[in-house]
Amino acid sequence: MAKDKSSKQTVATREYTINLHKRLHGQTFKKRAPKAVKEIKKFAQKMMSTPDVRVDVKLNKAVWSQGIRNVPNKVRIVIQRRRNEDDEDSEEMYSLVTLAEDQNTKGKGVVVLEA
């Protein structure tokens, strides 16, 4: 079952749990929070196949809430693939990454909120 081009160009919303602990293992203390934000962007880019990824302010604050060194081990995020309204942008779609309301990760995988 191969993915066709049209499925990557549709609006979609999915909820994921991202394990930051394994992505930041061995990282210098003063680079952990900035690297976590970069890893979240990289994850969203891979999952939604959009090169333009935007991180919400609340998610950024949640990552930085315990300081630069003590990043949360797991974060529950919602990724929305949206249509780009700007005419200047070359990309048709962009991804918006926000913090999920429920941060409980037990027994939750990928949840499709809107297809």
PDB file of N, CA and C in Angstrom:
ATOM      1  N   MET A   1       0.841  -1.177   0.000  1.00  0.00           N
ATOM      2  CA  MET A   1       0.000   0.000   0.000  1.00  0.00           C
ATOM      3  C   MET A   1       0.882   1.234   0.000  1.00  0.00           C
ATOM      4  N   ALA A   2       1.081   1.795  -1.170  1.00  0.00           N
ATOM      5  CA  ALA A   2       1.945   2.963  -1.314  1.00  0.00           C
ATOM      6  C   ALA A   2       1.136   4.242  -1.118  1.00  0.00           C
ATOM      7  N   LYS A   3       1.799   5.226  -0.541  1.00  0.00           N
ATOM      8  CA  LYS A   3       1.143   6.514  -0.343  1.00  0.00           C
ATOM      9  C   LYS A   3       1.204   7.298  -1.655  1.00  0.00           C
ATOM     10  N   ASP A   4       0.089   7.877  -2.023  1.00  0.00           N
ATOM     11  CA  ASP A   4       0.086   8.687  -3.227  1.00  0.00           C
ATOM     12  C   ASP A   4       0.333  10.150  -2.867  1.00  0.00           C
ATOM     13  N   LYS A   5       0.605  10.949  -3.882  1.00  0.00           N
ATOM     14  CA  LYS A   5       0.935  12.368  -3.687  1.00  0.00           C
ATOM     15  C   LYS A   5      -0.208  13.131  -3.047  1.00  0.00           C
ATOM     16  N   SER A   6      -1.446  12.783  -3.388  1.00  0.00           N
ATOM     17  CA  SER A   6      -2.588  13.552  -2.910  1.00  0.00           C
ATOM     18  C   SER A   6      -2.772  13.437  -1.396  1.00  0.00           C
ATOM     19  N   SER A   7      -2.392  12.313  -0.805  1.00  0.00           N
ATOM     20  CA  SER A   7      -2.558  12.162   0.639  1.00  0.00           C
ATOM     21  C   SER A   7      -1.600  13.077   1.399  1.00  0.00           C
ATOM     22  N   LYS A   8      -0.472  13.415   0.799  1.00  0.00           N
ATOM     23  CA  LYS A   8       0.476  14.326   1.439  1.00  0.00           C
ATOM     24  C   LYS A   8       0.050  15.785   1.284  1.00  0.00           C
ATOM     25  N   GLN A   9      -0.881  16.050   0.407  1.00  0.00           N
ATOM     26  CA  GLN A   9      -1.320  17.420   0.148  1.00  0.00           C
ATOM     27  C   GLN A   9      -2.674  17.722   0.765  1.00  0.00           C
ATOM     28  N   THR A  10      -3.182  16.826   1.615  1.00  0.00           N
ATOM     29  CA  THR A  10      -4.458  17.070   2.257  1.00  0.00           C
ATOM     30  C   THR A  10      -4.240  17.590   3.673  1.00  0.00           C
ATOM     31  N   VAL A  11      -5.240  18.267   4.191  1.00  0.00           N
ATOM     32  CA  VAL A  11      -5.190  18.785   5.556  1.00  0.00           C
ATOM     33  C   VAL A  11      -5.403  17.611   6.510  1.00  0.00           C
ATOM     34  N   ALA A  12      -4.541  17.512   7.528  1.00  0.00           N
ATOM     35  CA  ALA A  12      -4.643  16.404   8.483  1.00  0.00           C
ATOM     36  C   ALA A  12      -4.197  16.871   9.857  1.00  0.00           C
ATOM     37  N   THR A  13      -4.710  16.202  10.898  1.00  0.00           N
ATOM     38  CA  THR A  13      -4.323  16.481  12.276  1.00  0.00           C
ATOM     39  C   THR A  13      -4.092  15.162  12.981  1.00  0.00           C
ATOM     40  N   ARG A  14      -2.911  15.007  13.576  1.00  0.00           N
ATOM     41  CA  ARG A  14      -2.583  13.784  14.303  1.00  0.00           C
ATOM     42  C   ARG A  14      -1.926  14.128  15.624  1.00  0.00           C
ATOM     43  N   GLU A  15      -2.092  13.221  16.589  1.00  0.00           N
ATOM     44  CA  GLU A  15      -1.513  13.407  17.913  1.00  0.00           C
ATOM     45  C   GLU A  15      -0.445  12.328  18.135  1.00  0.00           C
ATOM     46  N   TYR A  16       0.741  12.750  18.546  1.00  0.00           N
ATOM     47  CA  TYR A  16       1.866  11.843  18.726  1.00  0.00           C
ATOM     48  C   TYR A  16       2.468  12.019  20.119  1.00  0.00           C
ATOM     49  N   THR A  17       3.169  10.974  20.568  1.00  0.00           N
ATOM     50  CA  THR A  17       4.041  11.083  21.735  1.00  0.00           C
ATOM     51  C   THR A  17       5.461  11.040  21.206  1.00  0.00           C
ATOM     52  N   ILE A  18       6.244  12.056  21.527  1.00  0.00           N
ATOM     53  CA  ILE A  18       7.633  12.085  21.077  1.00  0.00           C
ATOM     54  C   ILE A  18       8.538  11.891  22.284  1.00  0.00           C
ATOM     55  N   ASN A  19       9.445  10.913  22.167  1.00  0.00           N
ATOM     56  CA  ASN A  19      10.384  10.599  23.228  1.00  0.00           C
ATOM     57  C   ASN A  19      11.632  11.458  23.047  1.00  0.00           C
ATOM     58  N   LEU A  20      11.719  12.528  23.815  1.00  0.00           N
ATOM     59  CA  LEU A  20      12.865  13.430  23.709  1.00  0.00           C
ATOM     60  C   LEU A  20      14.092  12.857  24.410  1.00  0.00           C
ATOM     61  N   HIS A  21      13.877  11.975  25.370  1.00  0.00           N
ATOM     62  CA  HIS A  21      14.989  11.423  26.145  1.00  0.00           C
ATOM     63  C   HIS A  21      15.989  10.697  25.251  1.00  0.00           C
ATOM     64  N   LYS A  22      15.487   9.869  24.334  1.00  0.00           N
ATOM     65  CA  LYS A  22      16.398   9.131  23.464  1.00  0.00           C
ATOM     66  C   LYS A  22      17.020  10.031  22.390  1.00  0.00           C
ATOM     67  N   ARG A  23      16.345  11.120  22.052  1.00  0.00           N
ATOM     68  CA  ARG A  23      16.877  12.023  21.039  1.00  0.00           C
ATOM     69  C   ARG A  23      17.928  12.981  21.604  1.00  0.00           C
ATOM     70  N   LEU A  24      17.942  13.137  22.933  1.00  0.00           N
ATOM     71  CA  LEU A  24      18.879  14.061  23.571  1.00  0.00           C
ATOM     72  C   LEU A  24      19.959  13.342  24.374  1.00  0.00           C
ATOM     73  N   HIS A  25      20.023  12.030  24.279  1.00  0.00           N
ATOM     74  CA  HIS A  25      20.994  11.259  25.049  1.00  0.00           C
ATOM     75  C   HIS A  25      22.421  11.677  24.689  1.00  0.00           C
ATOM     76  N   GLY A  26      23.194  12.023  25.709  1.00  0.00           N
ATOM     77  CA  GLY A  26      24.588  12.400  25.485  1.00  0.00           C
ATOM     78  C   GLY A  26      24.780  13.835  25.038  1.00  0.00           C
ATOM     79  N   GLN A  27      23.711  14.604  25.009  1.00  0.00           N
ATOM     80  CA  GLN A  27      23.790  15.995  24.564  1.00  0.00           C
ATOM     81  C   GLN A  27      24.297  16.878  25.703  1.00  0.00           C
ATOM     82  N   THR A  28      25.134  17.851  25.367  1.00  0.00           N
ATOM     83  CA  THR A  28      25.648  18.799  26.346  1.00  0.00           C
ATOM     84  C   THR A  28      24.482  19.534  27.010  1.00  0.00           C
ATOM     85  N   PHE A  29      24.625  19.779  28.333  1.00  0.00           N
ATOM     86  CA  PHE A  29      23.542  20.391  29.096  1.00  0.00           C
ATOM     87  C   PHE A  29      23.039  21.695  28.486  1.00  0.00           C
ATOM     88  N   LYS A  30      23.924  22.550  28.084  1.00  0.00           N
ATOM     89  CA  LYS A  30      23.525  23.877  27.610  1.00  0.00           C
ATOM     90  C   LYS A  30      22.932  23.861  26.199  1.00  0.00           C
ATOM     91  N   LYS A  31      22.880  22.680  25.584  1.00  0.00           N
ATOM     92  CA  LYS A  31      22.314  22.578  24.238  1.00  0.00           C
ATOM     93  C   LYS A  31      21.054  21.714  24.197  1.00  0.00           C
ATOM     94  N   ARG A  32      20.607  21.229  25.355  1.00  0.00           N
ATOM     95  CA  ARG A  32      19.515  20.266  25.374  1.00  0.00           C
ATOM     96  C   ARG A  32      18.164  20.844  24.929  1.00  0.00           C
ATOM     97  N   ALA A  33      17.740  21.964  25.485  1.00  0.00           N
ATOM     98  CA  ALA A  33      16.433  22.530  25.116  1.00  0.00           C
ATOM     99  C   ALA A  33      16.409  23.009  23.662  1.00  0.00           C
ATOM    100  N   PRO A  34      17.448  23.712  23.177  1.00  0.00           N
ATOM    101  CA  PRO A  34      17.421  24.091  21.759  1.00  0.00           C
ATOM    102  C   PRO A  34      17.423  22.877  20.826  1.00  0.00           C
ATOM    103  N   LYS A  35      18.157  21.841  21.195  1.00  0.00           N
ATOM    104  CA  LYS A  35      18.193  20.618  20.394  1.00  0.00           C
ATOM    105  C   LYS A  35      16.836  19.919  20.423  1.00  0.00           C
ATOM    106  N   ALA A  36      16.130  19.978  21.559  1.00  0.00           N
ATOM    107  CA  ALA A  36      14.808  19.362  21.672  1.00  0.00           C
ATOM    108  C   ALA A  36      13.824  20.017  20.700  1.00  0.00           C
ATOM    109  N   VAL A  37      13.867  21.330  20.594  1.00  0.00           N
ATOM    110  CA  VAL A  37      12.981  22.037  19.664  1.00  0.00           C
ATOM    111  C   VAL A  37      13.315  21.642  18.222  1.00  0.00           C
ATOM    112  N   LYS A  38      14.607  21.531  17.913  1.00  0.00           N
ATOM    113  CA  LYS A  38      15.022  21.113  16.566  1.00  0.00           C
ATOM    114  C   LYS A  38      14.573  19.695  16.262  1.00  0.00           C
ATOM    115  N   GLU A  39      14.646  18.816  17.264  1.00  0.00           N
ATOM    116  CA  GLU A  39      14.223  17.427  17.083  1.00  0.00           C
ATOM    117  C   GLU A  39      12.706  17.322  16.885  1.00  0.00           C
ATOM    118  N   ILE A  40      11.950  18.161  17.580  1.00  0.00           N
ATOM    119  CA  ILE A  40      10.493  18.187  17.394  1.00  0.00           C
ATOM    120  C   ILE A  40      10.166  18.624  15.966  1.00  0.00           C
ATOM    121  N   LYS A  41      10.869  19.633  15.485  1.00  0.00           N
ATOM    122  CA  LYS A  41      10.653  20.096  14.109  1.00  0.00           C
ATOM    123  C   LYS A  41      11.009  19.002  13.097  1.00  0.00           C
ATOM    124  N   LYS A  42      12.115  18.322  13.349  1.00  0.00           N
ATOM    125  CA  LYS A  42      12.558  17.249  12.453  1.00  0.00           C
ATOM    126  C   LYS A  42      11.537  16.111  12.430  1.00  0.00           C
ATOM    127  N   PHE A  43      10.996  15.772  13.605  1.00  0.00           N
ATOM    128  CA  PHE A  43       9.988  14.723  13.729  1.00  0.00           C
ATOM    129  C   PHE A  43       8.724  15.100  12.948  1.00  0.00           C
ATOM    130  N   ALA A  44       8.270  16.340  13.104  1.00  0.00           N
ATOM    131  CA  ALA A  44       7.059  16.802  12.413  1.00  0.00           C
ATOM    132  C   ALA A  44       7.274  16.829  10.905  1.00  0.00           C
ATOM    133  N   GLN A  45       8.467  17.224  10.498  1.00  0.00           N
ATOM    134  CA  GLN A  45       8.787  17.262   9.071  1.00  0.00           C
ATOM    135  C   GLN A  45       8.736  15.860   8.466  1.00  0.00           C
ATOM    136  N   LYS A  46       9.220  14.884   9.205  1.00  0.00           N
ATOM    137  CA  LYS A  46       9.226  13.502   8.731  1.00  0.00           C
ATOM    138  C   LYS A  46       7.815  12.915   8.705  1.00  0.00           C
ATOM    139  N   MET A  47       7.027  13.173   9.760  1.00  0.00           N
ATOM    140  CA  MET A  47       5.695  12.586   9.864  1.00  0.00           C
ATOM    141  C   MET A  47       4.701  13.186   8.865  1.00  0.00           C
ATOM    142  N   MET A  48       4.777  14.488   8.662  1.00  0.00           N
ATOM    143  CA  MET A  48       3.798  15.162   7.807  1.00  0.00           C
ATOM    144  C   MET A  48       4.334  15.467   6.412  1.00  0.00           C
ATOM    145  N   SER A  49       5.606  15.198   6.189  1.00  0.00           N
ATOM    146  CA  SER A  49       6.292  15.429   4.906  1.00  0.00           C
ATOM    147  C   SER A  49       6.077  16.851   4.374  1.00  0.00           C
ATOM    148  N   THR A  50       6.274  17.824   5.278  1.00  0.00           N
ATOM    149  CA  THR A  50       6.257  19.230   4.896  1.00  0.00           C
ATOM    150  C   THR A  50       7.550  19.874   5.380  1.00  0.00           C
ATOM    151  N   PRO A  51       8.273  20.550   4.518  1.00  0.00           N
ATOM    152  CA  PRO A  51       9.529  21.170   4.953  1.00  0.00           C
ATOM    153  C   PRO A  51       9.336  22.377   5.868  1.00  0.00           C
ATOM    154  N   ASP A  52       8.177  23.029   5.791  1.00  0.00           N
ATOM    155  CA  ASP A  52       7.892  24.197   6.623  1.00  0.00           C
ATOM    156  C   ASP A  52       7.162  23.749   7.888  1.00  0.00           C
ATOM    157  N   VAL A  53       7.855  23.830   9.042  1.00  0.00           N
ATOM    158  CA  VAL A  53       7.283  23.421  10.325  1.00  0.00           C
ATOM    159  C   VAL A  53       7.333  24.593  11.283  1.00  0.00           C
ATOM    160  N   ARG A  54       6.196  24.870  11.920  1.00  0.00           N
ATOM    161  CA  ARG A  54       6.101  25.981  12.875  1.00  0.00           C
ATOM    162  C   ARG A  54       5.740  25.428  14.254  1.00  0.00           C
ATOM    163  N   VAL A  55       6.479  25.882  15.278  1.00  0.00           N
ATOM    164  CA  VAL A  55       6.271  25.413  16.644  1.00  0.00           C
ATOM    165  C   VAL A  55       5.485  26.459  17.420  1.00  0.00           C
ATOM    166  N   ASP A  56       4.439  26.019  18.112  1.00  0.00           N
ATOM    167  CA  ASP A  56       3.591  26.894  18.904  1.00  0.00           C
ATOM    168  C   ASP A  56       4.341  27.399  20.134  1.00  0.00           C
ATOM    169  N   VAL A  57       3.955  28.564  20.627  1.00  0.00           N
ATOM    170  CA  VAL A  57       4.596  29.182  21.785  1.00  0.00           C
ATOM    171  C   VAL A  57       4.435  28.318  23.033  1.00  0.00           C
ATOM    172  N   LYS A  58       3.248  27.724  23.233  1.00  0.00           N
ATOM    173  CA  LYS A  58       3.008  26.897  24.423  1.00  0.00           C
ATOM    174  C   LYS A  58       3.886  25.656  24.428  1.00  0.00           C
ATOM    175  N   LEU A  59       4.112  25.064  23.269  1.00  0.00           N
ATOM    176  CA  LEU A  59       5.000  23.904  23.185  1.00  0.00           C
ATOM    177  C   LEU A  59       6.430  24.306  23.506  1.00  0.00           C
ATOM    178  N   ASN A  60       6.861  25.430  22.988  1.00  0.00           N
ATOM    179  CA  ASN A  60       8.209  25.930  23.263  1.00  0.00           C
ATOM    180  C   ASN A  60       8.383  26.187  24.758  1.00  0.00           C
ATOM    181  N   LYS A  61       7.381  26.791  25.380  1.00  0.00           N
ATOM    182  CA  LYS A  61       7.441  27.054  26.823  1.00  0.00           C
ATOM    183  C   LYS A  61       7.444  25.757  27.629  1.00  0.00           C
ATOM    184  N   ALA A  62       6.718  24.728  27.162  1.00  0.00           N
ATOM    185  CA  ALA A  62       6.695  23.440  27.857  1.00  0.00           C
ATOM    186  C   ALA A  62       8.060  22.760  27.799  1.00  0.00           C
ATOM    187  N   VAL A  63       8.735  22.873  26.664  1.00  0.00           N
ATOM    188  CA  VAL A  63      10.066  22.283  26.530  1.00  0.00           C
ATOM    189  C   VAL A  63      11.061  23.010  27.433  1.00  0.00           C
ATOM    190  N   TRP A  64      10.948  24.324  27.503  1.00  0.00           N
ATOM    191  CA  TRP A  64      11.870  25.145  28.285  1.00  0.00           C
ATOM    192  C   TRP A  64      11.438  25.312  29.743  1.00  0.00           C
ATOM    193  N   SER A  65      10.306  24.721  30.155  1.00  0.00           N
ATOM    194  CA  SER A  65       9.734  24.978  31.484  1.00  0.00           C
ATOM    195  C   SER A  65      10.649  24.595  32.634  1.00  0.00           C
ATOM    196  N   GLN A  66      11.458  23.563  32.462  1.00  0.00           N
ATOM    197  CA  GLN A  66      12.346  23.114  33.530  1.00  0.00           C
ATOM    198  C   GLN A  66      13.778  23.606  33.315  1.00  0.00           C
ATOM    199  N   GLY A  67      13.936  24.544  32.415  1.00  0.00           N
ATOM    200  CA  GLY A  67      15.260  25.102  32.163  1.00  0.00           C
ATOM    201  C   GLY A  67      15.897  24.492  30.928  1.00  0.00           C
ATOM    202  N   ILE A  68      17.107  24.938  30.633  1.00  0.00           N
ATOM    203  CA  ILE A  68      17.811  24.490  29.430  1.00  0.00           C
ATOM    204  C   ILE A  68      18.318  23.055  29.577  1.00  0.00           C
ATOM    205  N   ARG A  69      18.586  22.636  30.818  1.00  0.00           N
ATOM    206  CA  ARG A  69      19.177  21.321  31.050  1.00  0.00           C
ATOM    207  C   ARG A  69      18.157  20.213  31.182  1.00  0.00           C
ATOM    208  N   ASN A  70      17.060  20.475  31.890  1.00  0.00           N
ATOM    209  CA  ASN A  70      16.115  19.429  32.279  1.00  0.00           C
ATOM    210  C   ASN A  70      14.878  19.434  31.389  1.00  0.00           C
ATOM    211  N   VAL A  71      15.042  18.932  30.192  1.00  0.00           N
ATOM    212  CA  VAL A  71      13.947  18.852  29.224  1.00  0.00           C
ATOM    213  C   VAL A  71      13.057  17.661  29.604  1.00  0.00           C
ATOM    214  N   PRO A  72      11.727  17.764  29.462  1.00  0.00           N
ATOM    215  CA  PRO A  72      10.850  16.622  29.755  1.00  0.00           C
ATOM    216  C   PRO A  72      11.222  15.403  28.904  1.00  0.00           C
ATOM    217  N   ASN A  73      11.110  14.215  29.487  1.00  0.00           N
ATOM    218  CA  ASN A  73      11.481  12.996  28.767  1.00  0.00           C
ATOM    219  C   ASN A  73      10.558  12.706  27.593  1.00  0.00           C
ATOM    220  N   LYS A  74       9.253  12.865  27.809  1.00  0.00           N
ATOM    221  CA  LYS A  74       8.272  12.632  26.748  1.00  0.00           C
ATOM    222  C   LYS A  74       7.330  13.812  26.681  1.00  0.00           C
ATOM    223  N   VAL A  75       6.908  14.126  25.463  1.00  0.00           N
ATOM    224  CA  VAL A  75       5.963  15.222  25.250  1.00  0.00           C
ATOM    225  C   VAL A  75       4.891  14.726  24.294  1.00  0.00           C
ATOM    226  N   ARG A  76       3.648  14.990  24.631  1.00  0.00           N
ATOM    227  CA  ARG A  76       2.513  14.639  23.767  1.00  0.00           C
ATOM    228  C   ARG A  76       2.205  15.856  22.909  1.00  0.00           C
ATOM    229  N   ILE A  77       2.274  15.708  21.572  1.00  0.00           N
ATOM    230  CA  ILE A  77       2.106  16.844  20.663  1.00  0.00           C
ATOM    231  C   ILE A  77       1.002  16.569  19.650  1.00  0.00           C
ATOM    232  N   VAL A  78       0.457  17.651  19.111  1.00  0.00           N
ATOM    233  CA  VAL A  78      -0.529  17.589  18.034  1.00  0.00           C
ATOM    234  C   VAL A  78       0.092  18.277  16.826  1.00  0.00           C
ATOM    235  N   ILE A  79       0.143  17.555  15.704  1.00  0.00           N
ATOM    236  CA  ILE A  79       0.687  18.116  14.470  1.00  0.00           C
ATOM    237  C   ILE A  79      -0.454  18.286  13.477  1.00  0.00           C
ATOM    238  N   GLN A  80      -0.588  19.520  12.983  1.00  0.00           N
ATOM    239  CA  GLN A  80      -1.627  19.839  11.994  1.00  0.00           C
ATOM    240  C   GLN A  80      -0.958  20.205  10.678  1.00  0.00           C
ATOM    241  N   ARG A  81      -1.347  19.508   9.610  1.00  0.00           N
ATOM    242  CA  ARG A  81      -0.895  19.903   8.277  1.00  0.00           C
ATOM    243  C   ARG A  81      -1.943  20.861   7.726  1.00  0.00           C
ATOM    244  N   ARG A  82      -1.509  22.087   7.427  1.00  0.00           N
ATOM    245  CA  ARG A  82      -2.431  23.134   6.975  1.00  0.00           C
ATOM    246  C   ARG A  82      -2.027  23.656   5.609  1.00  0.00           C
ATOM    247  N   ARG A  83      -3.019  24.243   4.950  1.00  0.00           N
ATOM    248  CA  ARG A  83      -2.766  24.873   3.660  1.00  0.00           C
ATOM    249  C   ARG A  83      -2.147  26.243   3.887  1.00  0.00           C
ATOM    250  N   ASN A  84      -1.152  26.582   3.094  1.00  0.00           N
ATOM    251  CA  ASN A  84      -0.454  27.851   3.235  1.00  0.00           C
ATOM    252  C   ASN A  84      -1.252  28.947   2.529  1.00  0.00           C
ATOM    253  N   GLU A  85      -1.582  29.998   3.267  1.00  0.00           N
ATOM    254  CA  GLU A  85      -2.387  31.091   2.718  1.00  0.00           C
ATOM    255  C   GLU A  85      -1.534  32.152   2.033  1.00  0.00           C
ATOM    256  N   ASP A  86      -0.235  32.207   2.358  1.00  0.00           N
ATOM    257  CA  ASP A  86       0.639  33.225   1.772  1.00  0.00           C
ATOM    258  C   ASP A  86       0.922  32.912   0.310  1.00  0.00           C
ATOM    259  N   ASP A  87       0.824  33.925  -0.528  1.00  0.00           N
ATOM    260  CA  ASP A  87       1.103  33.737  -1.943  1.00  0.00           C
ATOM    261  C   ASP A  87       2.606  33.725  -2.223  1.00  0.00           C
ATOM    262  N   GLU A  88       3.378  34.394  -1.352  1.00  0.00           N
ATOM    263  CA  GLU A  88       4.818  34.480  -1.575  1.00  0.00           C
ATOM    264  C   GLU A  88       5.520  33.136  -1.344  1.00  0.00           C
ATOM    265  N   ASP A  89       4.974  32.312  -0.428  1.00  0.00           N
ATOM    266  CA  ASP A  89       5.616  31.052  -0.082  1.00  0.00           C
ATOM    267  C   ASP A  89       5.549  30.062  -1.237  1.00  0.00           C
ATOM    268  N   SER A  90       6.651  29.352  -1.436  1.00  0.00           N
ATOM    269  CA  SER A  90       6.704  28.356  -2.497  1.00  0.00           C
ATOM    270  C   SER A  90       6.030  27.050  -2.070  1.00  0.00           C
ATOM    271  N   GLU A  91       5.990  26.805  -0.751  1.00  0.00           N
ATOM    272  CA  GLU A  91       5.396  25.565  -0.246  1.00  0.00           C
ATOM    273  C   GLU A  91       3.873  25.686  -0.183  1.00  0.00           C
ATOM    274  N   GLU A  92       3.196  24.612  -0.565  1.00  0.00           N
ATOM    275  CA  GLU A  92       1.730  24.609  -0.557  1.00  0.00           C
ATOM    276  C   GLU A  92       1.174  24.335   0.841  1.00  0.00           C
ATOM    277  N   MET A  93       1.878  23.475   1.613  1.00  0.00           N
ATOM    278  CA  MET A  93       1.416  23.087   2.938  1.00  0.00           C
ATOM    279  C   MET A  93       2.479  23.407   3.987  1.00  0.00           C
ATOM    280  N   TYR A  94       2.032  23.596   5.243  1.00  0.00           N
ATOM    281  CA  TYR A  94       2.958  23.730   6.358  1.00  0.00           C
ATOM    282  C   TYR A  94       2.401  22.956   7.541  1.00  0.00           C
ATOM    283  N   SER A  95       3.265  22.651   8.505  1.00  0.00           N
ATOM    284  CA  SER A  95       2.845  21.919   9.696  1.00  0.00           C
ATOM    285  C   SER A  95       2.926  22.831  10.904  1.00  0.00           C
ATOM    286  N   LEU A  96       1.895  22.773  11.735  1.00  0.00           N
ATOM    287  CA  LEU A  96       1.868  23.509  12.994  1.00  0.00           C
ATOM    288  C   LEU A  96       1.891  22.493  14.127  1.00  0.00           C
ATOM    289  N   VAL A  97       2.900  22.611  14.997  1.00  0.00           N
ATOM    290  CA  VAL A  97       3.064  21.676  16.105  1.00  0.00           C
ATOM    291  C   VAL A  97       2.645  22.373  17.394  1.00  0.00           C
ATOM    292  N   THR A  98       1.670  21.792  18.094  1.00  0.00           N
ATOM    293  CA  THR A  98       1.183  22.364  19.347  1.00  0.00           C
ATOM    294  C   THR A  98       1.271  21.319  20.452  1.00  0.00           C
ATOM    295  N   LEU A  99       1.134  21.771  21.681  1.00  0.00           N
ATOM    296  CA  LEU A  99       1.149  20.900  22.844  1.00  0.00           C
ATOM    297  C   LEU A  99      -0.235  20.288  23.010  1.00  0.00           C
ATOM    298  N   ALA A 100      -0.288  18.971  23.214  1.00  0.00           N
ATOM    299  CA  ALA A 100      -1.570  18.296  23.429  1.00  0.00           C
ATOM    300  C   ALA A 100      -2.119  18.660  24.807  1.00  0.00           C
ATOM    301  N   GLU A 101      -3.426  18.680  24.927  1.00  0.00           N
ATOM    302  CA  GLU A 101      -4.054  19.025  26.208  1.00  0.00           C
ATOM    303  C   GLU A 101      -3.762  17.967  27.265  1.00  0.00           C
ATOM    304  N   ASP A 102      -3.883  16.694  26.892  1.00  0.00           N
ATOM    305  CA  ASP A 102      -3.645  15.593  27.823  1.00  0.00           C
ATOM    306  C   ASP A 102      -2.215  15.090  27.629  1.00  0.00           C
ATOM    307  N   GLN A 103      -1.372  15.276  28.635  1.00  0.00           N
ATOM    308  CA  GLN A 103       0.019  14.853  28.541  1.00  0.00           C
ATOM    309  C   GLN A 103       0.237  13.424  29.028  1.00  0.00           C
ATOM    310  N   ASN A 104      -0.830  12.701  29.335  1.00  0.00           N
ATOM    311  CA  ASN A 104      -0.714  11.306  29.738  1.00  0.00           C
ATOM    312  C   ASN A 104      -0.353  10.465  28.517  1.00  0.00           C
ATOM    313  N   THR A 105       0.763   9.716  28.601  1.00  0.00           N
ATOM    314  CA  THR A 105       1.247   8.962  27.444  1.00  0.00           C
ATOM    315  C   THR A 105       0.954   7.472  27.543  1.00  0.00           C
ATOM    316  N   LYS A 106       0.422   7.008  28.662  1.00  0.00           N
ATOM    317  CA  LYS A 106       0.206   5.576  28.857  1.00  0.00           C
ATOM    318  C   LYS A 106      -0.891   5.041  27.949  1.00  0.00           C
ATOM    319  N   GLY A 107      -0.549   4.040  27.168  1.00  0.00           N
ATOM    320  CA  GLY A 107      -1.508   3.361  26.314  1.00  0.00           C
ATOM    321  C   GLY A 107      -1.970   4.148  25.105  1.00  0.00           C
ATOM    322  N   LYS A 108      -1.264   5.219  24.789  1.00  0.00           N
ATOM    323  CA  LYS A 108      -1.661   6.032  23.645  1.00  0.00           C
ATOM    324  C   LYS A 108      -0.594   5.936  22.562  1.00  0.00           C
ATOM    325  N   GLY A 109      -1.031   5.676  21.365  1.00  0.00           N
ATOM    326  CA  GLY A 109      -0.132   5.682  20.218  1.00  0.00           C
ATOM    327  C   GLY A 109      -0.432   6.921  19.409  1.00  0.00           C
ATOM    328  N   VAL A 110      -0.440   6.751  18.097  1.00  0.00           N
ATOM    329  CA  VAL A 110      -0.794   7.842  17.202  1.00  0.00           C
ATOM    330  C   VAL A 110      -2.315   7.912  17.133  1.00  0.00           C
ATOM    331  N   VAL A 111      -2.856   9.090  17.371  1.00  0.00           N
ATOM    332  CA  VAL A 111      -4.302   9.285  17.306  1.00  0.00           C
ATOM    333  C   VAL A 111      -4.589  10.234  16.149  1.00  0.00           C
ATOM    334  N   VAL A 112      -5.392   9.786  15.187  1.00  0.00           N
ATOM    335  CA  VAL A 112      -5.784  10.628  14.065  1.00  0.00           C
ATOM    336  C   VAL A 112      -6.996  11.436  14.504  1.00  0.00           C
ATOM    337  N   LEU A 113      -6.812  12.749  14.638  1.00  0.00           N
ATOM    338  CA  LEU A 113      -7.907  13.598  15.067  1.00  0.00           C
ATOM    339  C   LEU A 113      -8.753  14.067  13.902  1.00  0.00           C
ATOM    340  N   GLU A 114      -8.114  14.301  12.763  1.00  0.00           N
ATOM    341  CA  GLU A 114      -8.818  14.781  11.574  1.00  0.00           C
ATOM    342  C   GLU A 114      -8.063  14.295  10.350  1.00  0.00           C
ATOM    343  N   ALA A 115      -8.756  13.640   9.442  1.00  0.00           N
ATOM    344  CA  ALA A 115      -8.064  13.078   8.278  1.00  0.00           C
ATOM    345  C   ALA A 115      -8.106  13.982   7.089  1.00  0.00           C
TER     346      ALA A 115
END
